[in-house]
Structure formats: structure tokens, C-alpha cells
Amino acid sequence: MPKHVSVTEAHALQQQGGTYVDVRSRAEYEAGHAEGALNVPLAERTGPNPDFIHVMKALFAPDAKLLIGCQVGGRSMRAAGMLESFGFSDVSNIKGGFAGMRDPMGRSIDPGWEESGLPVETGAPAGRRYEDLAAKAGIDE
């Protein structure tokens, strides 16, 4: 079972050398993401990313400190569980993700990265966008 960390804990772990992997679609990532995050989508609008595990295994050692985030925490929890089942040993799911988890009344349950005032960037920075990471893993986009 993956560990669960708040966005502020994730930011601190990122500052200590952890890698933030944003598993949202490329479009979501480009619209805004945690500063320094890599983009390896779990799925795109067209369906699941069949290369997700392949890319992650090609890029990271099994003991890499991985911080897995998405929009509110659901996709990242699935991705973190998948990574653990494929042998990754230091995986943390970021509760609240980028936008924050809310209850049916709209109250914040787990604050998101953006609303917590943590550093955000937009676009698809070279070397951190999925096309570059997939190419590094030997996958033609």
C-alpha cells in the first residue's frame, strides 16, 4: 500500500530529492503543474497509457523516491499502487493533487498544490514533458 502525503509534505520531499511525477494527461499538465514535475500520464483522453509502467521502469530505479500526483488524488493512488506492484519501493501518493479534494458541499478535504500556494508552472518544459521521457525510454510517440 503506497504512503499518502499532503501537498506540503510532498513539496518538502521534493526539496530533499524526491521526484514529483504528474500522472495527469498532457493537456492537464501543460495547463498547470507543480514546479519541477515530470509528466508520465496514466491515461490520455483516448484511453489508458499502455506504456506507463515501461516508461517509469526505464526512467527510475526501483528504490527511487517517487511522489505521484494528479488532479485530486484518485489517478495518482491507482498509479502509486501499480508502481508498487511492479517493484517500486518508495512511492508516495499526493493527497489532494494539484486542485484539491472537496466534499459534496465544496469544502476542502485535502488541499491541492495550487491552492496551498506551492510553486506552479505551465507549459511542457523540455526534458520533463511526456514526449521527451517516452523517447528516453525508447518509445516513439
C-alpha atoms as a PDB file:
ATOM      1  CA  MET A   1       0.000   0.000   0.000  1.00  0.00           C
ATOM      2  CA  PRO A   2       1.542   3.338  -1.012  1.00  0.00           C
ATOM      3  CA  LYS A   3       2.189   6.045   1.552  1.00  0.00           C
ATOM      4  CA  HIS A   4      -0.046   9.095   1.423  1.00  0.00           C
ATOM      5  CA  VAL A   5       1.428  12.560   1.852  1.00  0.00           C
ATOM      6  CA  SER A   6      -0.075  16.047   1.853  1.00  0.00           C
ATOM      7  CA  VAL A   7       0.982  18.553  -0.778  1.00  0.00           C
ATOM      8  CA  THR A   8       3.163  20.381   1.751  1.00  0.00           C
ATOM      9  CA  GLU A   9       4.856  17.101   2.731  1.00  0.00           C
ATOM     10  CA  ALA A  10       5.321  16.301  -0.979  1.00  0.00           C
ATOM     11  CA  HIS A  11       6.920  19.695  -1.565  1.00  0.00           C
ATOM     12  CA  ALA A  12       9.338  19.113   1.323  1.00  0.00           C
ATOM     13  CA  LEU A  13      10.182  15.629  -0.022  1.00  0.00           C
ATOM     14  CA  GLN A  14      10.699  17.120  -3.486  1.00  0.00           C
ATOM     15  CA  GLN A  15      13.172  19.613  -1.965  1.00  0.00           C
ATOM     16  CA  GLN A  16      15.003  16.633  -0.418  1.00  0.00           C
ATOM     17  CA  GLY A  17      15.479  14.928  -3.786  1.00  0.00           C
ATOM     18  CA  GLY A  18      12.131  13.223  -4.383  1.00  0.00           C
ATOM     19  CA  THR A  19      10.752  13.249  -7.924  1.00  0.00           C
ATOM     20  CA  TYR A  20       7.242  14.565  -8.497  1.00  0.00           C
ATOM     21  CA  VAL A  21       5.593  12.570 -11.298  1.00  0.00           C
ATOM     22  CA  ASP A  22       2.346  14.106 -12.553  1.00  0.00           C
ATOM     23  CA  VAL A  23       0.197  11.300 -13.984  1.00  0.00           C
ATOM     24  CA  ARG A  24      -2.462  13.590 -15.488  1.00  0.00           C
ATOM     25  CA  SER A  25      -2.936  13.924 -19.242  1.00  0.00           C
ATOM     26  CA  ARG A  26      -0.520  16.053 -21.248  1.00  0.00           C
ATOM     27  CA  ALA A  27      -3.183  18.764 -21.662  1.00  0.00           C
ATOM     28  CA  GLU A  28      -3.831  18.932 -17.899  1.00  0.00           C
ATOM     29  CA  TYR A  29      -0.090  19.037 -17.181  1.00  0.00           C
ATOM     30  CA  GLU A  30       0.501  21.851 -19.690  1.00  0.00           C
ATOM     31  CA  ALA A  31      -2.330  23.921 -18.184  1.00  0.00           C
ATOM     32  CA  GLY A  32      -0.530  23.972 -14.816  1.00  0.00           C
ATOM     33  CA  HIS A  33       1.531  21.631 -12.651  1.00  0.00           C
ATOM     34  CA  ALA A  34       3.805  21.515  -9.628  1.00  0.00           C
ATOM     35  CA  GLU A  35       7.096  23.219 -10.386  1.00  0.00           C
ATOM     36  CA  GLY A  36       9.697  20.646 -11.403  1.00  0.00           C
ATOM     37  CA  ALA A  37       7.178  17.856 -12.011  1.00  0.00           C
ATOM     38  CA  LEU A  38       7.695  15.275 -14.751  1.00  0.00           C
ATOM     39  CA  ASN A  39       4.686  14.202 -16.845  1.00  0.00           C
ATOM     40  CA  VAL A  40       4.059  10.478 -17.339  1.00  0.00           C
ATOM     41  CA  PRO A  41       0.297  10.189 -17.971  1.00  0.00           C
ATOM     42  CA  LEU A  42      -1.537   7.186 -16.573  1.00  0.00           C
ATOM     43  CA  ALA A  43      -4.132   7.848 -19.291  1.00  0.00           C
ATOM     44  CA  GLU A  44      -4.971  10.306 -22.030  1.00  0.00           C
ATOM     45  CA  ARG A  45      -8.415  11.267 -23.285  1.00  0.00           C
ATOM     46  CA  THR A  46      -8.176   8.408 -25.780  1.00  0.00           C
ATOM     47  CA  GLY A  47      -7.706   5.800 -23.022  1.00  0.00           C
ATOM     48  CA  PRO A  48      -5.073   4.221 -20.774  1.00  0.00           C
ATOM     49  CA  ASN A  49      -1.390   4.807 -21.499  1.00  0.00           C
ATOM     50  CA  PRO A  50      -0.116   1.288 -22.339  1.00  0.00           C
ATOM     51  CA  ASP A  51       3.493   2.445 -21.838  1.00  0.00           C
ATOM     52  CA  PHE A  52       3.101   3.924 -18.333  1.00  0.00           C
ATOM     53  CA  ILE A  53       4.951   1.159 -16.455  1.00  0.00           C
ATOM     54  CA  HIS A  54       7.543   0.707 -19.223  1.00  0.00           C
ATOM     55  CA  VAL A  55       8.445   4.416 -19.137  1.00  0.00           C
ATOM     56  CA  MET A  56       8.591   4.518 -15.335  1.00  0.00           C
ATOM     57  CA  LYS A  57      10.799   1.398 -15.162  1.00  0.00           C
ATOM     58  CA  ALA A  58      13.112   2.821 -17.843  1.00  0.00           C
ATOM     59  CA  LEU A  59      13.476   6.173 -16.064  1.00  0.00           C
ATOM     60  CA  PHE A  60      13.660   5.236 -12.392  1.00  0.00           C
ATOM     61  CA  ALA A  61      15.460   2.756 -10.165  1.00  0.00           C
ATOM     62  CA  PRO A  62      13.156   0.542  -8.074  1.00  0.00           C
ATOM     63  CA  ASP A  63      14.183   2.463  -4.911  1.00  0.00           C
ATOM     64  CA  ALA A  64      13.725   5.974  -6.381  1.00  0.00           C
ATOM     65  CA  LYS A  65      11.773   8.359  -4.130  1.00  0.00           C
ATOM     66  CA  LEU A  66       8.651   8.938  -6.249  1.00  0.00           C
ATOM     67  CA  LEU A  67       5.913  11.444  -5.436  1.00  0.00           C
ATOM     68  CA  ILE A  68       2.874  10.631  -7.566  1.00  0.00           C
ATOM     69  CA  GLY A  69       0.308  13.371  -8.176  1.00  0.00           C
ATOM     70  CA  CYS A  70      -2.766  14.016 -10.307  1.00  0.00           C
ATOM     71  CA  GLN A  71      -5.729  16.418 -10.175  1.00  0.00           C
ATOM     72  CA  VAL A  72      -7.309  15.417  -6.829  1.00  0.00           C
ATOM     73  CA  GLY A  73      -5.689  12.109  -5.805  1.00  0.00           C
ATOM     74  CA  GLY A  74      -7.593   9.251  -7.487  1.00  0.00           C
ATOM     75  CA  ARG A  75      -5.421   8.571 -10.533  1.00  0.00           C
ATOM     76  CA  SER A  76      -2.263   9.055  -8.501  1.00  0.00           C
ATOM     77  CA  MET A  77      -3.446   6.492  -5.951  1.00  0.00           C
ATOM     78  CA  ARG A  78      -4.031   3.957  -8.768  1.00  0.00           C
ATOM     79  CA  ALA A  79      -0.660   4.784 -10.343  1.00  0.00           C
ATOM     80  CA  ALA A  80       1.179   4.522  -6.996  1.00  0.00           C
ATOM     81  CA  GLY A  81      -0.376   1.107  -6.362  1.00  0.00           C
ATOM     82  CA  MET A  82       0.611  -0.068  -9.849  1.00  0.00           C
ATOM     83  CA  LEU A  83       4.178   1.111  -9.339  1.00  0.00           C
ATOM     84  CA  GLU A  84       4.456  -0.745  -6.041  1.00  0.00           C
ATOM     85  CA  SER A  85       3.117  -3.917  -7.677  1.00  0.00           C
ATOM     86  CA  PHE A  86       5.887  -3.597 -10.291  1.00  0.00           C
ATOM     87  CA  GLY A  87       8.619  -3.406  -7.653  1.00  0.00           C
ATOM     88  CA  PHE A  88       8.977   0.273  -6.777  1.00  0.00           C
ATOM     89  CA  SER A  89       9.604   0.534  -3.049  1.00  0.00           C
ATOM     90  CA  ASP A  90       9.457   4.272  -2.173  1.00  0.00           C
ATOM     91  CA  VAL A  91       6.213   5.563  -3.681  1.00  0.00           C
ATOM     92  CA  SER A  92       4.020   8.267  -2.143  1.00  0.00           C
ATOM     93  CA  ASN A  93       0.558   9.275  -3.318  1.00  0.00           C
ATOM     94  CA  ILE A  94      -0.005  13.034  -3.046  1.00  0.00           C
ATOM     95  CA  LYS A  95      -3.378  13.580  -1.349  1.00  0.00           C
ATOM     96  CA  GLY A  96      -5.318  16.441  -2.883  1.00  0.00           C
ATOM     97  CA  GLY A  97      -3.182  16.501  -6.035  1.00  0.00           C
ATOM     98  CA  PHE A  98      -2.988  19.717  -7.983  1.00  0.00           C
ATOM     99  CA  ALA A  99      -6.524  21.053  -7.492  1.00  0.00           C
ATOM    100  CA  GLY A 100      -7.534  19.643  -4.097  1.00  0.00           C
ATOM    101  CA  MET A 101     -10.149  17.129  -2.978  1.00  0.00           C
ATOM    102  CA  ARG A 102     -13.531  18.515  -1.944  1.00  0.00           C
ATOM    103  CA  ASP A 103     -16.557  17.022  -0.224  1.00  0.00           C
ATOM    104  CA  PRO A 104     -20.042  17.194  -1.853  1.00  0.00           C
ATOM    105  CA  MET A 105     -20.610  20.573  -0.172  1.00  0.00           C
ATOM    106  CA  GLY A 106     -17.458  22.002  -1.786  1.00  0.00           C
ATOM    107  CA  ARG A 107     -15.406  22.080   1.411  1.00  0.00           C
ATOM    108  CA  SER A 108     -11.725  21.219   1.159  1.00  0.00           C
ATOM    109  CA  ILE A 109     -10.873  17.718   2.382  1.00  0.00           C
ATOM    110  CA  ASP A 110      -7.289  17.623   1.105  1.00  0.00           C
ATOM    111  CA  PRO A 111      -5.931  20.972  -0.091  1.00  0.00           C
ATOM    112  CA  GLY A 112      -4.314  20.937  -3.521  1.00  0.00           C
ATOM    113  CA  TRP A 113      -0.862  22.070  -4.586  1.00  0.00           C
ATOM    114  CA  GLU A 114      -2.103  25.229  -6.287  1.00  0.00           C
ATOM    115  CA  GLU A 115      -4.460  26.403  -3.525  1.00  0.00           C
ATOM    116  CA  SER A 116      -1.719  25.785  -0.952  1.00  0.00           C
ATOM    117  CA  GLY A 117       0.418  28.419  -2.662  1.00  0.00           C
ATOM    118  CA  LEU A 118       3.153  25.994  -3.664  1.00  0.00           C
ATOM    119  CA  PRO A 119       5.243  26.764  -6.782  1.00  0.00           C
ATOM    120  CA  VAL A 120       3.382  26.180 -10.066  1.00  0.00           C
ATOM    121  CA  GLU A 121       4.442  26.348 -13.694  1.00  0.00           C
ATOM    122  CA  THR A 122       2.656  25.979 -17.037  1.00  0.00           C
ATOM    123  CA  GLY A 123       3.609  24.579 -20.419  1.00  0.00           C
ATOM    124  CA  ALA A 124       5.633  21.473 -21.155  1.00  0.00           C
ATOM    125  CA  PRO A 125       9.265  22.109 -20.181  1.00  0.00           C
ATOM    126  CA  ALA A 126      11.811  20.258 -22.327  1.00  0.00           C
ATOM    127  CA  GLY A 127      13.106  17.146 -20.621  1.00  0.00           C
ATOM    128  CA  ARG A 128      10.053  16.885 -18.355  1.00  0.00           C
ATOM    129  CA  ARG A 129       7.271  16.551 -20.912  1.00  0.00           C
ATOM    130  CA  TYR A 130       5.992  13.087 -21.764  1.00  0.00           C
ATOM    131  CA  GLU A 131       7.311  13.099 -25.346  1.00  0.00           C
ATOM    132  CA  ASP A 132      10.893  13.544 -24.065  1.00  0.00           C
ATOM    133  CA  LEU A 133      10.525  10.997 -21.262  1.00  0.00           C
ATOM    134  CA  ALA A 134       8.966   8.385 -23.589  1.00  0.00           C
ATOM    135  CA  ALA A 135      11.802   8.920 -26.093  1.00  0.00           C
ATOM    136  CA  LYS A 136      14.354   8.453 -23.303  1.00  0.00           C
ATOM    137  CA  ALA A 137      12.601   5.158 -22.501  1.00  0.00           C
ATOM    138  CA  GLY A 138      12.870   4.085 -26.166  1.00  0.00           C
ATOM    139  CA  ILE A 139       9.239   4.682 -27.126  1.00  0.00           C
ATOM    140  CA  ASP A 140       8.356   6.546 -30.319  1.00  0.00           C
ATOM    141  CA  GLU A 141       5.498   8.938 -29.799  1.00  0.00           C
END
